Amino acid sequence: GSIAEGYLDDECVTFLSRYLKDIESRTNKPPRYVDDTPIRKPVRFALTGDQKKKMHDYILSNDGDVAPYIA
């Protein structure tokens, strides 16, 4: 099929899944993580100027959107 047929199939399955309580679907799937407590306490730390520059350079060099501007 076509894109329209795929869309219609998806809409039908989504609509029906709301009425089938015993069937797990993307509309009634339980959350992946039920427990909201953090795994551990967050740790704060400060970066040096050199670390910030290295991090900035790493991010820019690994982002395809900025590749045309870096030569």
PDB file of N, CA and C in Angstrom:
ATOM      1  N   GLY A   1       0.448  -1.146   0.000  1.00  0.00           N
ATOM      2  CA  GLY A   1       0.000   0.000   0.000  1.00  0.00           C
ATOM      3  C   GLY A   1       0.529   1.351   0.000  1.00  0.00           C
ATOM      4  N   SER A   2      -0.461   2.184   0.006  1.00  0.00           N
ATOM      5  CA  SER A   2      -0.166   3.610  -0.061  1.00  0.00           C
ATOM      6  C   SER A   2      -0.005   4.195   1.341  1.00  0.00           C
ATOM      7  N   ILE A   3       0.438   5.423   1.391  1.00  0.00           N
ATOM      8  CA  ILE A   3       0.579   6.123   2.664  1.00  0.00           C
ATOM      9  C   ILE A   3      -0.781   6.286   3.320  1.00  0.00           C
ATOM     10  N   ALA A   4      -1.804   6.585   2.522  1.00  0.00           N
ATOM     11  CA  ALA A   4      -3.157   6.774   3.064  1.00  0.00           C
ATOM     12  C   ALA A   4      -3.683   5.484   3.690  1.00  0.00           C
ATOM     13  N   GLU A   5      -3.424   4.340   3.051  1.00  0.00           N
ATOM     14  CA  GLU A   5      -3.870   3.069   3.615  1.00  0.00           C
ATOM     15  C   GLU A   5      -3.162   2.784   4.937  1.00  0.00           C
ATOM     16  N   GLY A   6      -1.885   3.056   4.991  1.00  0.00           N
ATOM     17  CA  GLY A   6      -1.128   2.864   6.225  1.00  0.00           C
ATOM     18  C   GLY A   6      -1.635   3.752   7.338  1.00  0.00           C
ATOM     19  N   TYR A   7      -1.941   4.999   7.001  1.00  0.00           N
ATOM     20  CA  TYR A   7      -2.469   5.934   7.990  1.00  0.00           C
ATOM     21  C   TYR A   7      -3.824   5.463   8.497  1.00  0.00           C
ATOM     22  N   LEU A   8      -4.687   5.023   7.585  1.00  0.00           N
ATOM     23  CA  LEU A   8      -6.017   4.549   7.956  1.00  0.00           C
ATOM     24  C   LEU A   8      -5.917   3.298   8.829  1.00  0.00           C
ATOM     25  N   ASP A   9      -5.019   2.385   8.484  1.00  0.00           N
ATOM     26  CA  ASP A   9      -4.805   1.196   9.311  1.00  0.00           C
ATOM     27  C   ASP A   9      -4.387   1.590  10.718  1.00  0.00           C
ATOM     28  N   ASP A  10      -3.456   2.511  10.807  1.00  0.00           N
ATOM     29  CA  ASP A  10      -2.963   2.967  12.106  1.00  0.00           C
ATOM     30  C   ASP A  10      -4.081   3.609  12.921  1.00  0.00           C
ATOM     31  N   GLU A  11      -4.890   4.440  12.286  1.00  0.00           N
ATOM     32  CA  GLU A  11      -6.003   5.085  12.983  1.00  0.00           C
ATOM     33  C   GLU A  11      -7.019   4.060  13.481  1.00  0.00           C
ATOM     34  N   CYS A  12      -7.329   3.062  12.670  1.00  0.00           N
ATOM     35  CA  CYS A  12      -8.297   2.029  13.070  1.00  0.00           C
ATOM     36  C   CYS A  12      -7.784   1.229  14.263  1.00  0.00           C
ATOM     37  N   VAL A  13      -6.524   0.823  14.208  1.00  0.00           N
ATOM     38  CA  VAL A  13      -5.952   0.050  15.306  1.00  0.00           C
ATOM     39  C   VAL A  13      -5.915   0.886  16.579  1.00  0.00           C
ATOM     40  N   THR A  14      -5.538   2.150  16.478  1.00  0.00           N
ATOM     41  CA  THR A  14      -5.514   3.026  17.644  1.00  0.00           C
ATOM     42  C   THR A  14      -6.911   3.193  18.220  1.00  0.00           C
ATOM     43  N   PHE A  15      -7.898   3.417  17.380  1.00  0.00           N
ATOM     44  CA  PHE A  15      -9.278   3.588  17.835  1.00  0.00           C
ATOM     45  C   PHE A  15      -9.769   2.331  18.554  1.00  0.00           C
ATOM     46  N   LEU A  16      -9.548   1.166  17.944  1.00  0.00           N
ATOM     47  CA  LEU A  16     -10.022  -0.079  18.544  1.00  0.00           C
ATOM     48  C   LEU A  16      -9.279  -0.423  19.826  1.00  0.00           C
ATOM     49  N   SER A  17      -7.999  -0.091  19.902  1.00  0.00           N
ATOM     50  CA  SER A  17      -7.220  -0.440  21.087  1.00  0.00           C
ATOM     51  C   SER A  17      -7.709   0.291  22.326  1.00  0.00           C
ATOM     52  N   ARG A  18      -8.401   1.397  22.155  1.00  0.00           N
ATOM     53  CA  ARG A  18      -8.938   2.125  23.311  1.00  0.00           C
ATOM     54  C   ARG A  18     -10.091   1.374  23.957  1.00  0.00           C
ATOM     55  N   TYR A  19     -10.714   0.473  23.228  1.00  0.00           N
ATOM     56  CA  TYR A  19     -11.860  -0.267  23.744  1.00  0.00           C
ATOM     57  C   TYR A  19     -11.514  -1.699  24.127  1.00  0.00           C
ATOM     58  N   LEU A  20     -10.328  -2.158  23.814  1.00  0.00           N
ATOM     59  CA  LEU A  20      -9.894  -3.499  24.188  1.00  0.00           C
ATOM     60  C   LEU A  20      -8.979  -3.368  25.399  1.00  0.00           C
ATOM     61  N   LYS A  21      -9.555  -3.450  26.589  1.00  0.00           N
ATOM     62  CA  LYS A  21      -8.810  -3.166  27.820  1.00  0.00           C
ATOM     63  C   LYS A  21      -7.722  -4.197  28.119  1.00  0.00           C
ATOM     64  N   ASP A  22      -7.898  -5.440  27.675  1.00  0.00           N
ATOM     65  CA  ASP A  22      -6.929  -6.484  27.999  1.00  0.00           C
ATOM     66  C   ASP A  22      -5.762  -6.548  27.019  1.00  0.00           C
ATOM     67  N   ILE A  23      -5.779  -5.742  25.982  1.00  0.00           N
ATOM     68  CA  ILE A  23      -4.730  -5.747  24.971  1.00  0.00           C
ATOM     69  C   ILE A  23      -3.813  -4.552  25.200  1.00  0.00           C
ATOM     70  N   GLU A  24      -2.501  -4.818  25.302  1.00  0.00           N
ATOM     71  CA  GLU A  24      -1.551  -3.725  25.494  1.00  0.00           C
ATOM     72  C   GLU A  24      -1.262  -3.068  24.154  1.00  0.00           C
ATOM     73  N   SER A  25      -1.388  -1.753  24.118  1.00  0.00           N
ATOM     74  CA  SER A  25      -1.079  -0.991  22.914  1.00  0.00           C
ATOM     75  C   SER A  25      -0.348   0.273  23.329  1.00  0.00           C
ATOM     76  N   ARG A  26       0.000   1.092  22.352  1.00  0.00           N
ATOM     77  CA  ARG A  26       0.734   2.312  22.698  1.00  0.00           C
ATOM     78  C   ARG A  26      -0.130   3.318  23.447  1.00  0.00           C
ATOM     79  N   THR A  27      -1.468   3.188  23.382  1.00  0.00           N
ATOM     80  CA  THR A  27      -2.334   4.130  24.098  1.00  0.00           C
ATOM     81  C   THR A  27      -2.567   3.727  25.542  1.00  0.00           C
ATOM     82  N   ASN A  28      -2.402   2.449  25.883  1.00  0.00           N
ATOM     83  CA  ASN A  28      -2.646   2.032  27.265  1.00  0.00           C
ATOM     84  C   ASN A  28      -1.459   1.277  27.866  1.00  0.00           C
ATOM     85  N   LYS A  29      -0.301   1.414  27.272  1.00  0.00           N
ATOM     86  CA  LYS A  29       0.893   0.731  27.756  1.00  0.00           C
ATOM     87  C   LYS A  29       1.320   1.327  29.097  1.00  0.00           C
ATOM     88  N   PRO A  30       1.689   0.479  30.070  1.00  0.00           N
ATOM     89  CA  PRO A  30       2.164   1.020  31.342  1.00  0.00           C
ATOM     90  C   PRO A  30       3.492   1.748  31.147  1.00  0.00           C
ATOM     91  N   PRO A  31       3.782   2.711  31.997  1.00  0.00           N
ATOM     92  CA  PRO A  31       5.048   3.444  31.846  1.00  0.00           C
ATOM     93  C   PRO A  31       6.239   2.511  32.025  1.00  0.00           C
ATOM     94  N   ARG A  32       7.324   2.860  31.370  1.00  0.00           N
ATOM     95  CA  ARG A  32       8.523   2.030  31.434  1.00  0.00           C
ATOM     96  C   ARG A  32       9.096   2.013  32.850  1.00  0.00           C
ATOM     97  N   TYR A  33       9.148   3.168  33.490  1.00  0.00           N
ATOM     98  CA  TYR A  33       9.669   3.281  34.844  1.00  0.00           C
ATOM     99  C   TYR A  33       8.539   3.724  35.751  1.00  0.00           C
ATOM    100  N   VAL A  34       8.110   2.837  36.631  1.00  0.00           N
ATOM    101  CA  VAL A  34       7.000   3.147  37.525  1.00  0.00           C
ATOM    102  C   VAL A  34       7.508   3.926  38.724  1.00  0.00           C
ATOM    103  N   ASP A  35       8.681   3.606  39.197  1.00  0.00           N
ATOM    104  CA  ASP A  35       9.238   4.249  40.375  1.00  0.00           C
ATOM    105  C   ASP A  35       9.836   5.599  39.992  1.00  0.00           C
ATOM    106  N   ASP A  36       9.382   6.660  40.654  1.00  0.00           N
ATOM    107  CA  ASP A  36       9.859   8.006  40.339  1.00  0.00           C
ATOM    108  C   ASP A  36      11.050   8.435  41.183  1.00  0.00           C
ATOM    109  N   THR A  37      11.512   7.591  42.073  1.00  0.00           N
ATOM    110  CA  THR A  37      12.624   7.989  42.920  1.00  0.00           C
ATOM    111  C   THR A  37      13.920   7.927  42.120  1.00  0.00           C
ATOM    112  N   PRO A  38      14.797   8.895  42.322  1.00  0.00           N
ATOM    113  CA  PRO A  38      16.062   8.889  41.581  1.00  0.00           C
ATOM    114  C   PRO A  38      16.942   7.716  42.009  1.00  0.00           C
ATOM    115  N   ILE A  39      17.799   7.281  41.115  1.00  0.00           N
ATOM    116  CA  ILE A  39      18.701   6.170  41.408  1.00  0.00           C
ATOM    117  C   ILE A  39      19.719   6.584  42.463  1.00  0.00           C
ATOM    118  N   ARG A  40      20.204   7.780  42.340  1.00  0.00           N
ATOM    119  CA  ARG A  40      21.139   8.295  43.336  1.00  0.00           C
ATOM    120  C   ARG A  40      21.009   9.806  43.399  1.00  0.00           C
ATOM    121  N   LYS A  41      21.636  10.386  44.391  1.00  0.00           N
ATOM    122  CA  LYS A  41      21.608  11.829  44.571  1.00  0.00           C
ATOM    123  C   LYS A  41      22.443  12.490  43.473  1.00  0.00           C
ATOM    124  N   PRO A  42      21.931  13.592  42.880  1.00  0.00           N
ATOM    125  CA  PRO A  42      22.721  14.276  41.848  1.00  0.00           C
ATOM    126  C   PRO A  42      24.024  14.839  42.416  1.00  0.00           C
ATOM    127  N   VAL A  43      25.027  14.840  41.592  1.00  0.00           N
ATOM    128  CA  VAL A  43      26.335  15.357  41.992  1.00  0.00           C
ATOM    129  C   VAL A  43      26.611  16.616  41.180  1.00  0.00           C
ATOM    130  N   ARG A  44      26.936  17.692  41.869  1.00  0.00           N
ATOM    131  CA  ARG A  44      27.273  18.943  41.189  1.00  0.00           C
ATOM    132  C   ARG A  44      28.787  19.093  41.133  1.00  0.00           C
ATOM    133  N   PHE A  45      29.258  19.606  40.018  1.00  0.00           N
ATOM    134  CA  PHE A  45      30.681  19.867  39.888  1.00  0.00           C
ATOM    135  C   PHE A  45      30.864  21.012  38.910  1.00  0.00           C
ATOM    136  N   ALA A  46      31.985  21.680  39.037  1.00  0.00           N
ATOM    137  CA  ALA A  46      32.290  22.819  38.169  1.00  0.00           C
ATOM    138  C   ALA A  46      33.327  22.390  37.135  1.00  0.00           C
ATOM    139  N   LEU A  47      33.153  22.897  35.925  1.00  0.00           N
ATOM    140  CA  LEU A  47      34.113  22.626  34.859  1.00  0.00           C
ATOM    141  C   LEU A  47      35.112  23.770  34.772  1.00  0.00           C
ATOM    142  N   THR A  48      36.335  23.424  34.456  1.00  0.00           N
ATOM    143  CA  THR A  48      37.332  24.459  34.223  1.00  0.00           C
ATOM    144  C   THR A  48      37.097  25.044  32.834  1.00  0.00           C
ATOM    145  N   GLY A  49      37.715  26.149  32.558  1.00  0.00           N
ATOM    146  CA  GLY A  49      37.586  26.770  31.242  1.00  0.00           C
ATOM    147  C   GLY A  49      38.053  25.847  30.130  1.00  0.00           C
ATOM    148  N   ASP A  50      39.144  25.114  30.384  1.00  0.00           N
ATOM    149  CA  ASP A  50      39.669  24.183  29.385  1.00  0.00           C
ATOM    150  C   ASP A  50      38.689  23.032  29.139  1.00  0.00           C
ATOM    151  N   GLN A  51      38.073  22.522  30.204  1.00  0.00           N
ATOM    152  CA  GLN A  51      37.094  21.441  30.055  1.00  0.00           C
ATOM    153  C   GLN A  51      35.872  21.913  29.265  1.00  0.00           C
ATOM    154  N   LYS A  52      35.431  23.139  29.534  1.00  0.00           N
ATOM    155  CA  LYS A  52      34.284  23.688  28.803  1.00  0.00           C
ATOM    156  C   LYS A  52      34.601  23.817  27.316  1.00  0.00           C
ATOM    157  N   LYS A  53      35.815  24.288  27.006  1.00  0.00           N
ATOM    158  CA  LYS A  53      36.202  24.440  25.601  1.00  0.00           C
ATOM    159  C   LYS A  53      36.273  23.088  24.906  1.00  0.00           C
ATOM    160  N   LYS A  54      36.859  22.080  25.570  1.00  0.00           N
ATOM    161  CA  LYS A  54      36.944  20.739  24.986  1.00  0.00           C
ATOM    162  C   LYS A  54      35.553  20.155  24.756  1.00  0.00           C
ATOM    163  N   MET A  55      34.651  20.356  25.718  1.00  0.00           N
ATOM    164  CA  MET A  55      33.291  19.853  25.584  1.00  0.00           C
ATOM    165  C   MET A  55      32.587  20.544  24.418  1.00  0.00           C
ATOM    166  N   HIS A  56      32.746  21.846  24.322  1.00  0.00           N
ATOM    167  CA  HIS A  56      32.126  22.624  23.252  1.00  0.00           C
ATOM    168  C   HIS A  56      32.647  22.172  21.890  1.00  0.00           C
ATOM    169  N   ASP A  57      33.962  22.016  21.784  1.00  0.00           N
ATOM    170  CA  ASP A  57      34.567  21.561  20.527  1.00  0.00           C
ATOM    171  C   ASP A  57      34.095  20.153  20.152  1.00  0.00           C
ATOM    172  N   TYR A  58      33.988  19.267  21.142  1.00  0.00           N
ATOM    173  CA  TYR A  58      33.535  17.894  20.883  1.00  0.00           C
ATOM    174  C   TYR A  58      32.107  17.890  20.351  1.00  0.00           C
ATOM    175  N   ILE A  59      31.237  18.659  20.990  1.00  0.00           N
ATOM    176  CA  ILE A  59      29.833  18.708  20.562  1.00  0.00           C
ATOM    177  C   ILE A  59      29.729  19.248  19.143  1.00  0.00           C
ATOM    178  N   LEU A  60      30.412  20.341  18.867  1.00  0.00           N
ATOM    179  CA  LEU A  60      30.341  20.930  17.533  1.00  0.00           C
ATOM    180  C   LEU A  60      30.932  20.013  16.464  1.00  0.00           C
ATOM    181  N   SER A  61      32.013  19.325  16.790  1.00  0.00           N
ATOM    182  CA  SER A  61      32.645  18.471  15.783  1.00  0.00           C
ATOM    183  C   SER A  61      31.846  17.195  15.525  1.00  0.00           C
ATOM    184  N   ASN A  62      30.915  16.846  16.407  1.00  0.00           N
ATOM    185  CA  ASN A  62      30.097  15.645  16.233  1.00  0.00           C
ATOM    186  C   ASN A  62      28.656  15.958  15.864  1.00  0.00           C
ATOM    187  N   ASP A  63      28.367  17.193  15.516  1.00  0.00           N
ATOM    188  CA  ASP A  63      27.019  17.588  15.102  1.00  0.00           C
ATOM    189  C   ASP A  63      27.039  17.842  13.601  1.00  0.00           C
ATOM    190  N   GLY A  64      26.309  17.037  12.856  1.00  0.00           N
ATOM    191  CA  GLY A  64      26.295  17.146  11.402  1.00  0.00           C
ATOM    192  C   GLY A  64      25.721  18.454  10.889  1.00  0.00           C
ATOM    193  N   ASP A  65      24.869  19.112  11.691  1.00  0.00           N
ATOM    194  CA  ASP A  65      24.254  20.362  11.244  1.00  0.00           C
ATOM    195  C   ASP A  65      25.261  21.502  11.131  1.00  0.00           C
ATOM    196  N   VAL A  66      26.315  21.471  11.934  1.00  0.00           N
ATOM    197  CA  VAL A  66      27.285  22.564  11.889  1.00  0.00           C
ATOM    198  C   VAL A  66      28.508  22.230  11.036  1.00  0.00           C
ATOM    199  N   ALA A  67      28.585  21.005  10.539  1.00  0.00           N
ATOM    200  CA  ALA A  67      29.747  20.585   9.741  1.00  0.00           C
ATOM    201  C   ALA A  67      30.038  21.507   8.563  1.00  0.00           C
ATOM    202  N   PRO A  68      29.016  22.007   7.830  1.00  0.00           N
ATOM    203  CA  PRO A  68      29.326  22.897   6.707  1.00  0.00           C
ATOM    204  C   PRO A  68      29.991  24.212   7.133  1.00  0.00           C
ATOM    205  N   TYR A  69      29.840  24.600   8.393  1.00  0.00           N
ATOM    206  CA  TYR A  69      30.380  25.879   8.854  1.00  0.00           C
ATOM    207  C   TYR A  69      31.763  25.743   9.482  1.00  0.00           C
ATOM    208  N   ILE A  70      32.176  24.504   9.737  1.00  0.00           N
ATOM    209  CA  ILE A  70      33.493  24.278  10.334  1.00  0.00           C
ATOM    210  C   ILE A  70      34.425  23.780   9.237  1.00  0.00           C
ATOM    211  N   ALA A  71      35.500  24.510   9.021  1.00  0.00           N
ATOM    212  CA  ALA A  71      36.429  24.099   7.962  1.00  0.00           C
ATOM    213  C   ALA A  71      37.845  24.098   8.451  1.00  0.00           C
TER     214      ALA A  71
END
